[in-house]
N, C-alpha and C. Protein backbone atom coordinates (compact mmCIF):
# COMPACT_ATOMS: atom_id res chain seq x y z
N UNK A 1 -23.51 89.50 114.32
CA UNK A 1 -22.66 90.43 113.65
C UNK A 1 -21.27 90.36 114.28
N UNK A 2 -20.25 90.52 113.44
CA UNK A 2 -18.88 90.43 113.89
C UNK A 2 -18.50 91.70 114.64
N UNK A 3 -18.03 91.54 115.86
CA UNK A 3 -17.71 92.71 116.65
C UNK A 3 -16.29 93.23 116.41
N UNK A 4 -15.46 92.43 115.71
CA UNK A 4 -14.10 92.86 115.38
C UNK A 4 -14.09 93.45 113.97
N UNK A 5 -13.71 94.67 113.85
CA UNK A 5 -13.70 95.35 112.56
C UNK A 5 -12.25 95.61 112.15
N UNK A 6 -11.98 95.49 110.86
CA UNK A 6 -10.65 95.84 110.36
C UNK A 6 -10.67 97.31 109.99
N UNK A 7 -9.50 97.81 109.68
CA UNK A 7 -9.39 99.22 109.34
C UNK A 7 -10.13 99.52 108.04
N UNK A 8 -10.20 98.55 107.13
CA UNK A 8 -10.89 98.77 105.86
C UNK A 8 -12.40 98.91 106.06
N UNK A 9 -12.92 98.26 107.09
CA UNK A 9 -14.35 98.30 107.32
C UNK A 9 -14.79 99.57 108.06
N UNK A 10 -13.85 100.26 108.67
CA UNK A 10 -14.18 101.48 109.40
C UNK A 10 -14.54 102.57 108.41
N UNK A 11 -15.38 103.47 108.82
CA UNK A 11 -15.69 104.60 107.96
C UNK A 11 -14.44 105.46 107.76
N UNK A 12 -14.31 106.09 106.59
CA UNK A 12 -13.11 106.85 106.23
C UNK A 12 -12.81 107.96 107.23
N UNK A 13 -13.82 108.60 107.75
CA UNK A 13 -13.57 109.73 108.64
C UNK A 13 -13.00 109.29 110.00
N UNK A 14 -13.09 108.00 110.35
CA UNK A 14 -12.57 107.57 111.65
C UNK A 14 -11.23 106.81 111.53
N UNK A 15 -10.71 106.63 110.33
CA UNK A 15 -9.41 105.95 110.17
C UNK A 15 -8.30 106.85 110.70
N UNK A 16 -7.35 106.25 111.37
CA UNK A 16 -6.25 106.99 111.96
C UNK A 16 -4.94 106.67 111.23
N UNK A 17 -3.99 107.62 111.31
CA UNK A 17 -2.67 107.44 110.70
C UNK A 17 -1.64 108.13 111.57
N UNK A 18 -0.38 107.78 111.33
CA UNK A 18 0.70 108.40 112.09
C UNK A 18 1.00 109.77 111.51
N UNK A 19 1.78 110.55 112.23
CA UNK A 19 2.17 111.88 111.74
C UNK A 19 3.01 111.76 110.47
N UNK A 20 3.91 110.77 110.41
CA UNK A 20 4.73 110.56 109.21
C UNK A 20 3.85 110.24 108.01
N UNK A 21 2.85 109.39 108.22
CA UNK A 21 1.93 109.06 107.12
C UNK A 21 1.17 110.30 106.67
N UNK A 22 0.77 111.14 107.61
CA UNK A 22 0.03 112.36 107.26
C UNK A 22 0.90 113.29 106.43
N UNK A 23 2.16 113.45 106.81
CA UNK A 23 3.06 114.31 106.03
C UNK A 23 3.30 113.74 104.64
N UNK A 24 3.50 112.42 104.54
CA UNK A 24 3.72 111.79 103.24
C UNK A 24 2.47 111.93 102.36
N UNK A 25 1.28 111.81 102.96
CA UNK A 25 0.03 111.95 102.22
C UNK A 25 -0.11 113.37 101.66
N UNK A 26 0.23 114.37 102.46
CA UNK A 26 0.16 115.77 102.00
C UNK A 26 1.16 116.02 100.88
N UNK A 27 2.36 115.47 100.99
CA UNK A 27 3.36 115.63 99.93
C UNK A 27 2.90 114.97 98.63
N UNK A 28 2.30 113.81 98.72
CA UNK A 28 1.79 113.12 97.53
C UNK A 28 0.69 113.94 96.86
N UNK A 29 -0.21 114.49 97.67
CA UNK A 29 -1.29 115.32 97.13
C UNK A 29 -0.71 116.56 96.43
N UNK A 30 0.31 117.15 97.03
CA UNK A 30 0.92 118.35 96.45
C UNK A 30 1.60 118.01 95.12
N UNK A 31 2.27 116.88 95.05
CA UNK A 31 2.91 116.46 93.79
C UNK A 31 1.86 116.28 92.68
N UNK A 32 0.78 115.62 93.02
CA UNK A 32 -0.28 115.41 92.02
C UNK A 32 -0.90 116.73 91.58
N UNK A 33 -1.06 117.66 92.51
CA UNK A 33 -1.59 118.99 92.15
C UNK A 33 -0.66 119.69 91.16
N UNK A 34 0.65 119.61 91.45
CA UNK A 34 1.61 120.24 90.53
C UNK A 34 1.54 119.60 89.15
N UNK A 35 1.42 118.27 89.11
CA UNK A 35 1.33 117.58 87.81
C UNK A 35 0.07 118.02 87.05
N UNK A 36 -1.05 118.15 87.78
CA UNK A 36 -2.29 118.59 87.13
C UNK A 36 -2.14 120.01 86.60
N UNK A 37 -1.51 120.86 87.40
CA UNK A 37 -1.30 122.25 86.96
C UNK A 37 -0.40 122.31 85.74
N UNK A 38 0.66 121.47 85.73
CA UNK A 38 1.55 121.44 84.58
C UNK A 38 0.83 120.92 83.34
N UNK A 39 0.00 119.90 83.53
CA UNK A 39 -0.77 119.35 82.41
C UNK A 39 -1.75 120.40 81.87
N UNK A 40 -2.36 121.15 82.76
CA UNK A 40 -3.32 122.17 82.33
C UNK A 40 -2.62 123.30 81.58
N UNK A 41 -1.33 123.55 81.90
CA UNK A 41 -0.61 124.62 81.24
C UNK A 41 -0.11 124.21 79.85
N UNK A 42 -0.05 122.90 79.57
CA UNK A 42 0.41 122.43 78.27
C UNK A 42 -0.66 122.68 77.20
N UNK A 43 -0.21 122.90 75.97
CA UNK A 43 -1.20 123.12 74.91
C UNK A 43 -1.91 121.80 74.58
N UNK A 44 -3.15 121.90 74.17
CA UNK A 44 -3.92 120.72 73.78
C UNK A 44 -3.88 120.57 72.27
N UNK A 45 -4.36 119.40 71.80
CA UNK A 45 -4.43 119.16 70.36
C UNK A 45 -5.31 120.22 69.71
N UNK A 46 -6.39 120.59 70.38
CA UNK A 46 -7.30 121.61 69.83
C UNK A 46 -6.59 122.96 69.73
N UNK A 47 -5.78 123.32 70.74
CA UNK A 47 -5.04 124.59 70.70
C UNK A 47 -4.12 124.62 69.47
N UNK A 48 -3.42 123.54 69.21
CA UNK A 48 -2.51 123.49 68.06
C UNK A 48 -3.30 123.51 66.76
N UNK A 49 -4.43 122.79 66.72
CA UNK A 49 -5.26 122.78 65.51
C UNK A 49 -5.77 124.19 65.20
N UNK A 50 -6.14 124.94 66.25
CA UNK A 50 -6.61 126.31 66.04
C UNK A 50 -5.48 127.20 65.50
N UNK A 51 -4.27 127.04 66.05
CA UNK A 51 -3.14 127.86 65.61
C UNK A 51 -2.78 127.53 64.16
N UNK A 52 -2.79 126.23 63.83
CA UNK A 52 -2.42 125.80 62.47
C UNK A 52 -3.58 125.93 61.49
N UNK A 53 -4.74 126.19 62.00
CA UNK A 53 -5.97 126.31 61.21
C UNK A 53 -6.24 125.02 60.42
N UNK A 54 -6.17 123.88 61.16
CA UNK A 54 -6.48 122.56 60.60
C UNK A 54 -7.47 121.89 61.53
N UNK A 55 -8.16 120.85 61.05
CA UNK A 55 -9.08 120.14 61.94
C UNK A 55 -8.32 119.45 63.09
N UNK A 56 -8.97 119.23 64.19
CA UNK A 56 -8.36 118.62 65.38
C UNK A 56 -7.90 117.19 65.09
N UNK A 57 -8.65 116.47 64.19
CA UNK A 57 -8.26 115.10 63.85
C UNK A 57 -6.90 115.07 63.15
N UNK A 58 -6.68 116.05 62.27
CA UNK A 58 -5.39 116.11 61.57
C UNK A 58 -4.26 116.43 62.55
N UNK A 59 -4.50 117.32 63.48
CA UNK A 59 -3.49 117.64 64.49
C UNK A 59 -3.20 116.41 65.36
N UNK A 60 -4.25 115.63 65.67
CA UNK A 60 -4.07 114.41 66.46
C UNK A 60 -3.23 113.39 65.69
N UNK A 61 -3.45 113.25 64.38
CA UNK A 61 -2.65 112.33 63.55
C UNK A 61 -1.18 112.78 63.50
N UNK A 62 -0.98 114.07 63.38
CA UNK A 62 0.40 114.58 63.39
C UNK A 62 1.09 114.28 64.72
N UNK A 63 0.38 114.41 65.81
CA UNK A 63 0.93 114.12 67.13
C UNK A 63 1.29 112.64 67.24
N UNK A 64 0.41 111.75 66.74
CA UNK A 64 0.70 110.31 66.77
C UNK A 64 1.97 110.00 65.97
N UNK A 65 2.10 110.61 64.79
CA UNK A 65 3.28 110.38 63.95
C UNK A 65 4.54 110.85 64.67
N UNK A 66 4.46 112.01 65.30
CA UNK A 66 5.60 112.55 66.03
C UNK A 66 6.02 111.62 67.15
N UNK A 67 5.05 111.12 67.90
CA UNK A 67 5.36 110.21 69.01
C UNK A 67 5.94 108.89 68.51
N UNK A 68 5.46 108.39 67.39
CA UNK A 68 6.00 107.14 66.82
C UNK A 68 7.46 107.34 66.40
N UNK A 69 7.75 108.50 65.79
CA UNK A 69 9.13 108.78 65.39
C UNK A 69 10.06 108.84 66.62
N UNK A 70 9.58 109.50 67.67
CA UNK A 70 10.38 109.60 68.89
C UNK A 70 10.66 108.22 69.48
N UNK A 71 9.64 107.37 69.50
CA UNK A 71 9.80 106.02 70.06
C UNK A 71 10.83 105.23 69.24
N UNK A 72 10.77 105.38 67.92
CA UNK A 72 11.73 104.69 67.05
C UNK A 72 13.14 105.20 67.31
N UNK A 73 13.27 106.51 67.44
CA UNK A 73 14.60 107.10 67.69
C UNK A 73 15.15 106.63 69.03
N UNK A 74 14.31 106.57 70.06
CA UNK A 74 14.76 106.13 71.38
C UNK A 74 15.19 104.67 71.35
N UNK A 75 14.47 103.83 70.60
CA UNK A 75 14.85 102.42 70.50
C UNK A 75 16.17 102.27 69.77
N UNK A 76 16.40 103.09 68.76
CA UNK A 76 17.67 103.03 68.04
C UNK A 76 18.82 103.46 68.93
N UNK A 77 18.57 104.44 69.78
CA UNK A 77 19.62 104.90 70.68
C UNK A 77 19.91 103.83 71.73
N UNK A 78 18.89 103.15 72.23
CA UNK A 78 19.06 102.14 73.26
C UNK A 78 19.59 100.83 72.71
N UNK A 79 19.39 100.56 71.42
CA UNK A 79 19.82 99.29 70.83
C UNK A 79 21.34 99.20 70.86
N UNK A 80 21.86 97.99 71.10
CA UNK A 80 23.31 97.85 71.10
C UNK A 80 23.86 98.10 69.71
N UNK A 81 25.03 98.69 69.62
CA UNK A 81 25.59 99.00 68.30
C UNK A 81 25.94 97.73 67.54
N UNK A 82 25.82 97.80 66.25
CA UNK A 82 26.19 96.68 65.40
C UNK A 82 27.71 96.54 65.47
N UNK A 83 28.20 95.40 65.03
CA UNK A 83 29.64 95.18 65.04
C UNK A 83 30.32 96.16 64.08
N UNK A 84 31.01 97.09 64.67
CA UNK A 84 31.79 98.01 63.87
C UNK A 84 33.23 97.53 63.92
N UNK A 85 33.88 97.58 62.78
CA UNK A 85 35.26 97.15 62.76
C UNK A 85 36.11 98.20 63.45
N UNK A 86 36.95 97.71 64.32
CA UNK A 86 37.85 98.61 65.01
C UNK A 86 39.07 98.85 64.14
N UNK A 87 39.47 100.07 64.08
CA UNK A 87 40.68 100.35 63.33
C UNK A 87 41.80 100.57 64.33
N UNK A 88 42.90 99.92 64.05
CA UNK A 88 44.06 100.03 64.93
C UNK A 88 45.06 100.93 64.23
N UNK A 89 45.57 101.85 64.96
CA UNK A 89 46.53 102.81 64.41
C UNK A 89 47.76 102.05 63.90
N UNK A 90 48.27 102.41 62.73
CA UNK A 90 49.43 101.69 62.16
C UNK A 90 50.66 101.71 63.06
N UNK A 91 50.86 102.77 63.83
CA UNK A 91 52.01 102.80 64.73
C UNK A 91 51.90 101.74 65.83
N UNK A 92 50.69 101.48 66.28
CA UNK A 92 50.49 100.45 67.30
C UNK A 92 50.82 99.08 66.72
N UNK A 93 50.40 98.84 65.49
CA UNK A 93 50.68 97.56 64.84
C UNK A 93 52.20 97.41 64.66
N UNK A 94 52.87 98.46 64.19
CA UNK A 94 54.32 98.41 63.97
C UNK A 94 55.05 98.16 65.29
N UNK A 95 54.62 98.82 66.34
CA UNK A 95 55.26 98.63 67.65
C UNK A 95 55.07 97.20 68.15
N UNK A 96 53.91 96.63 67.94
CA UNK A 96 53.64 95.26 68.37
C UNK A 96 54.51 94.27 67.60
N UNK A 97 54.65 94.48 66.29
CA UNK A 97 55.48 93.58 65.48
C UNK A 97 56.94 93.70 65.89
N UNK A 98 57.41 94.93 66.09
CA UNK A 98 58.80 95.14 66.50
C UNK A 98 59.07 94.48 67.85
N UNK A 99 58.17 94.63 68.77
CA UNK A 99 58.33 94.01 70.08
C UNK A 99 58.38 92.49 69.99
N UNK A 100 57.52 91.91 69.15
CA UNK A 100 57.51 90.46 68.99
C UNK A 100 58.82 89.98 68.37
N UNK A 101 59.33 90.71 67.37
CA UNK A 101 60.60 90.34 66.75
C UNK A 101 61.76 90.42 67.73
N UNK A 102 61.81 91.48 68.52
CA UNK A 102 62.87 91.62 69.52
C UNK A 102 62.81 90.48 70.54
N UNK A 103 61.63 90.14 70.97
CA UNK A 103 61.48 89.05 71.92
C UNK A 103 61.97 87.74 71.31
N UNK A 104 61.64 87.51 70.06
CA UNK A 104 62.07 86.30 69.37
C UNK A 104 63.60 86.27 69.24
N UNK A 105 64.21 87.41 68.86
CA UNK A 105 65.66 87.47 68.71
C UNK A 105 66.37 87.22 70.05
N UNK A 106 65.86 87.80 71.11
CA UNK A 106 66.47 87.57 72.43
C UNK A 106 66.36 86.10 72.82
N UNK A 107 65.25 85.47 72.50
CA UNK A 107 65.09 84.05 72.83
C UNK A 107 66.08 83.20 72.04
N UNK A 108 66.29 83.51 70.77
CA UNK A 108 67.23 82.76 69.94
C UNK A 108 68.65 82.98 70.46
N UNK A 109 69.00 84.22 70.78
CA UNK A 109 70.35 84.49 71.28
C UNK A 109 70.59 83.77 72.61
N UNK A 110 69.63 83.74 73.46
CA UNK A 110 69.76 83.05 74.74
C UNK A 110 69.96 81.56 74.52
N UNK A 111 69.19 80.98 73.59
CA UNK A 111 69.33 79.56 73.29
C UNK A 111 70.72 79.25 72.74
N UNK A 112 71.24 80.15 71.91
CA UNK A 112 72.58 79.94 71.35
C UNK A 112 73.64 80.03 72.45
N UNK A 113 73.50 80.97 73.35
CA UNK A 113 74.46 81.10 74.43
C UNK A 113 74.46 79.89 75.34
N UNK A 114 73.31 79.34 75.58
CA UNK A 114 73.21 78.19 76.47
C UNK A 114 73.87 76.98 75.83
N UNK A 115 73.68 76.77 74.52
CA UNK A 115 74.24 75.59 73.87
C UNK A 115 75.72 75.75 73.57
N UNK A 116 76.24 76.97 73.37
CA UNK A 116 77.64 77.19 73.02
C UNK A 116 78.50 77.44 74.25
N UNK A 117 77.91 77.75 75.35
CA UNK A 117 78.67 78.10 76.55
C UNK A 117 79.61 76.95 76.92
N UNK A 118 80.86 77.27 77.30
CA UNK A 118 81.81 76.21 77.67
C UNK A 118 81.34 75.50 78.92
N UNK A 119 81.51 74.20 78.89
CA UNK A 119 81.14 73.42 80.06
C UNK A 119 82.37 73.31 80.94
N UNK A 120 82.22 73.36 82.21
CA UNK A 120 83.39 73.27 83.09
C UNK A 120 84.05 71.90 82.95
N UNK A 121 85.37 71.93 82.80
CA UNK A 121 86.14 70.69 82.63
C UNK A 121 86.69 70.29 83.99
N UNK A 122 86.52 69.03 84.30
CA UNK A 122 87.04 68.53 85.57
C UNK A 122 88.57 68.45 85.47
N UNK A 123 89.29 68.75 86.53
CA UNK A 123 90.76 68.68 86.47
C UNK A 123 91.20 67.25 86.18
N UNK A 124 92.24 67.14 85.39
CA UNK A 124 92.75 65.81 85.04
C UNK A 124 93.47 65.22 86.24
N UNK A 125 93.25 63.96 86.39
CA UNK A 125 93.95 63.25 87.44
C UNK A 125 94.87 62.22 86.79
N UNK A 126 95.93 61.98 87.42
CA UNK A 126 96.87 60.98 86.88
C UNK A 126 96.22 59.62 86.97
N UNK A 127 96.45 58.81 85.96
CA UNK A 127 95.86 57.47 86.04
C UNK A 127 96.47 56.73 87.22
N UNK A 128 95.65 55.97 87.84
CA UNK A 128 96.15 55.24 89.00
C UNK A 128 97.01 54.08 88.53
N UNK A 129 98.11 53.89 89.19
CA UNK A 129 99.04 52.81 88.85
C UNK A 129 99.01 51.82 90.00
N UNK A 130 98.83 50.61 89.64
CA UNK A 130 98.81 49.56 90.66
C UNK A 130 100.19 48.91 90.67
N UNK A 131 100.79 48.91 91.79
CA UNK A 131 102.12 48.29 91.94
C UNK A 131 101.92 46.93 92.58
N UNK A 132 102.43 45.96 91.93
CA UNK A 132 102.33 44.60 92.47
C UNK A 132 103.63 44.31 93.20
N UNK A 133 103.50 43.87 94.40
CA UNK A 133 104.68 43.56 95.21
C UNK A 133 105.15 42.15 94.87
N UNK A 134 106.24 42.08 94.19
CA UNK A 134 106.81 40.78 93.83
C UNK A 134 108.14 40.62 94.58
N UNK A 135 108.43 39.42 94.93
CA UNK A 135 109.73 39.25 95.61
C UNK A 135 110.85 39.53 94.60
N UNK A 136 111.68 40.40 94.95
CA UNK A 136 112.78 40.77 94.07
C UNK A 136 114.12 40.43 94.69
N UNK A 137 115.18 40.92 94.09
CA UNK A 137 116.52 40.62 94.63
C UNK A 137 116.69 41.24 96.01
N UNK A 138 117.36 40.58 96.83
CA UNK A 138 117.60 41.02 98.19
C UNK A 138 118.94 41.69 98.35
N UNK A 139 119.63 41.87 97.29
CA UNK A 139 120.95 42.48 97.40
C UNK A 139 120.79 43.98 97.28
N UNK A 140 121.72 44.70 97.93
CA UNK A 140 121.61 46.15 97.89
C UNK A 140 121.84 46.70 96.50
N UNK A 141 122.53 46.05 95.68
CA UNK A 141 122.79 46.60 94.36
C UNK A 141 121.55 46.55 93.48
N UNK A 142 120.66 45.63 93.75
CA UNK A 142 119.46 45.48 92.93
C UNK A 142 118.35 46.42 93.35
N UNK A 143 118.40 47.04 94.48
CA UNK A 143 117.35 47.95 94.95
C UNK A 143 117.42 49.25 94.18
N UNK A 144 116.30 49.83 93.84
CA UNK A 144 116.33 51.10 93.14
C UNK A 144 116.95 52.18 93.99
N UNK A 145 117.35 53.23 93.32
CA UNK A 145 118.04 54.33 93.97
C UNK A 145 117.13 55.01 94.99
N UNK A 146 117.61 55.26 96.15
CA UNK A 146 116.86 55.93 97.19
C UNK A 146 116.07 54.98 98.06
N UNK A 147 116.13 53.70 97.79
CA UNK A 147 115.38 52.73 98.61
C UNK A 147 116.38 51.78 99.25
N UNK A 148 116.04 51.38 100.41
CA UNK A 148 116.90 50.40 101.10
C UNK A 148 116.25 49.05 100.98
N UNK A 149 117.05 48.04 100.78
CA UNK A 149 116.47 46.70 100.68
C UNK A 149 115.93 46.25 102.02
N UNK A 150 114.87 45.45 101.99
CA UNK A 150 114.30 44.98 103.25
C UNK A 150 115.26 44.01 103.92
N UNK A 151 115.18 44.01 105.21
CA UNK A 151 116.02 43.10 105.98
C UNK A 151 115.50 41.70 105.82
N UNK A 152 116.37 40.78 105.97
CA UNK A 152 115.99 39.39 105.81
C UNK A 152 115.00 39.00 106.89
N UNK A 153 113.90 38.37 106.48
CA UNK A 153 112.90 37.89 107.42
C UNK A 153 111.89 38.95 107.79
N UNK A 154 111.96 40.12 107.24
CA UNK A 154 110.97 41.15 107.56
C UNK A 154 110.05 41.37 106.35
N UNK A 155 109.01 42.07 106.55
CA UNK A 155 108.07 42.35 105.46
C UNK A 155 108.68 43.35 104.52
N UNK A 156 108.35 43.26 103.22
CA UNK A 156 108.92 44.23 102.30
C UNK A 156 108.31 45.60 102.53
N UNK A 157 109.08 46.62 102.22
CA UNK A 157 108.62 48.01 102.37
C UNK A 157 107.57 48.30 101.32
N UNK A 158 106.60 49.12 101.64
CA UNK A 158 105.56 49.42 100.65
C UNK A 158 106.16 50.14 99.46
N UNK A 159 105.64 49.82 98.29
CA UNK A 159 106.17 50.41 97.06
C UNK A 159 105.61 51.80 96.90
N UNK A 160 106.42 52.65 96.31
CA UNK A 160 106.01 54.02 96.10
C UNK A 160 105.66 54.20 94.64
N UNK A 161 104.78 55.09 94.36
CA UNK A 161 104.40 55.36 92.98
C UNK A 161 105.59 55.98 92.28
N UNK A 162 105.74 55.79 90.96
CA UNK A 162 106.92 56.30 90.27
C UNK A 162 107.02 57.82 90.36
N UNK A 163 105.94 58.54 90.35
CA UNK A 163 106.03 60.00 90.40
C UNK A 163 106.52 60.46 91.76
N UNK A 164 106.15 59.74 92.81
CA UNK A 164 106.58 60.11 94.14
C UNK A 164 108.01 59.72 94.37
N UNK A 165 108.47 58.65 93.75
CA UNK A 165 109.84 58.18 93.94
C UNK A 165 110.83 59.12 93.28
N UNK A 166 110.42 59.79 92.21
CA UNK A 166 111.34 60.66 91.51
C UNK A 166 111.59 61.94 92.30
N UNK A 167 110.73 62.25 93.22
CA UNK A 167 110.93 63.40 94.06
C UNK A 167 110.46 64.66 93.40
N UNK A 168 110.77 65.81 93.99
CA UNK A 168 110.28 67.07 93.47
C UNK A 168 110.94 67.43 92.15
N UNK A 169 112.08 66.89 91.85
CA UNK A 169 112.76 67.24 90.62
C UNK A 169 112.04 66.67 89.40
N UNK A 170 111.36 65.56 89.57
CA UNK A 170 110.68 64.91 88.45
C UNK A 170 109.38 65.59 88.07
N UNK A 171 108.93 66.47 88.84
CA UNK A 171 107.63 67.14 88.55
C UNK A 171 107.77 68.29 87.66
């Protein structure tokens, strides 16, 4: 014979439990007692049949029909609603259209401003003039006004641009 016994094999009167388990067990028993008392206080099918003066079978059929109706009603309440069309208030629609039109008009005006806006013009510069140094007359009478002729045997003086040669009066 097996000398090790599990708790299930022990007799019920010798099984042990903790204090918490004992309190929970008493609370469970009390709940079940209350449920039994509440059930006993409810009217039975026979009680209703006696009050209505009908056979108990007919009262039982009426109870079944009532419970079926309740179950159907509960399922309808729990069922997701069918697609109902949402109605949007006309003012909301008008405001949305007005907003879209304003946005479109602002975009068009911005595009027009960007394409018509004056582009910055670069300042004009005088065309560059290239002066070619050619051997010219060596006499003082042939030299332009304000310039001295180069001395014989020396390099010619650099040429000045016509606008600079005219001085401040020419500007």
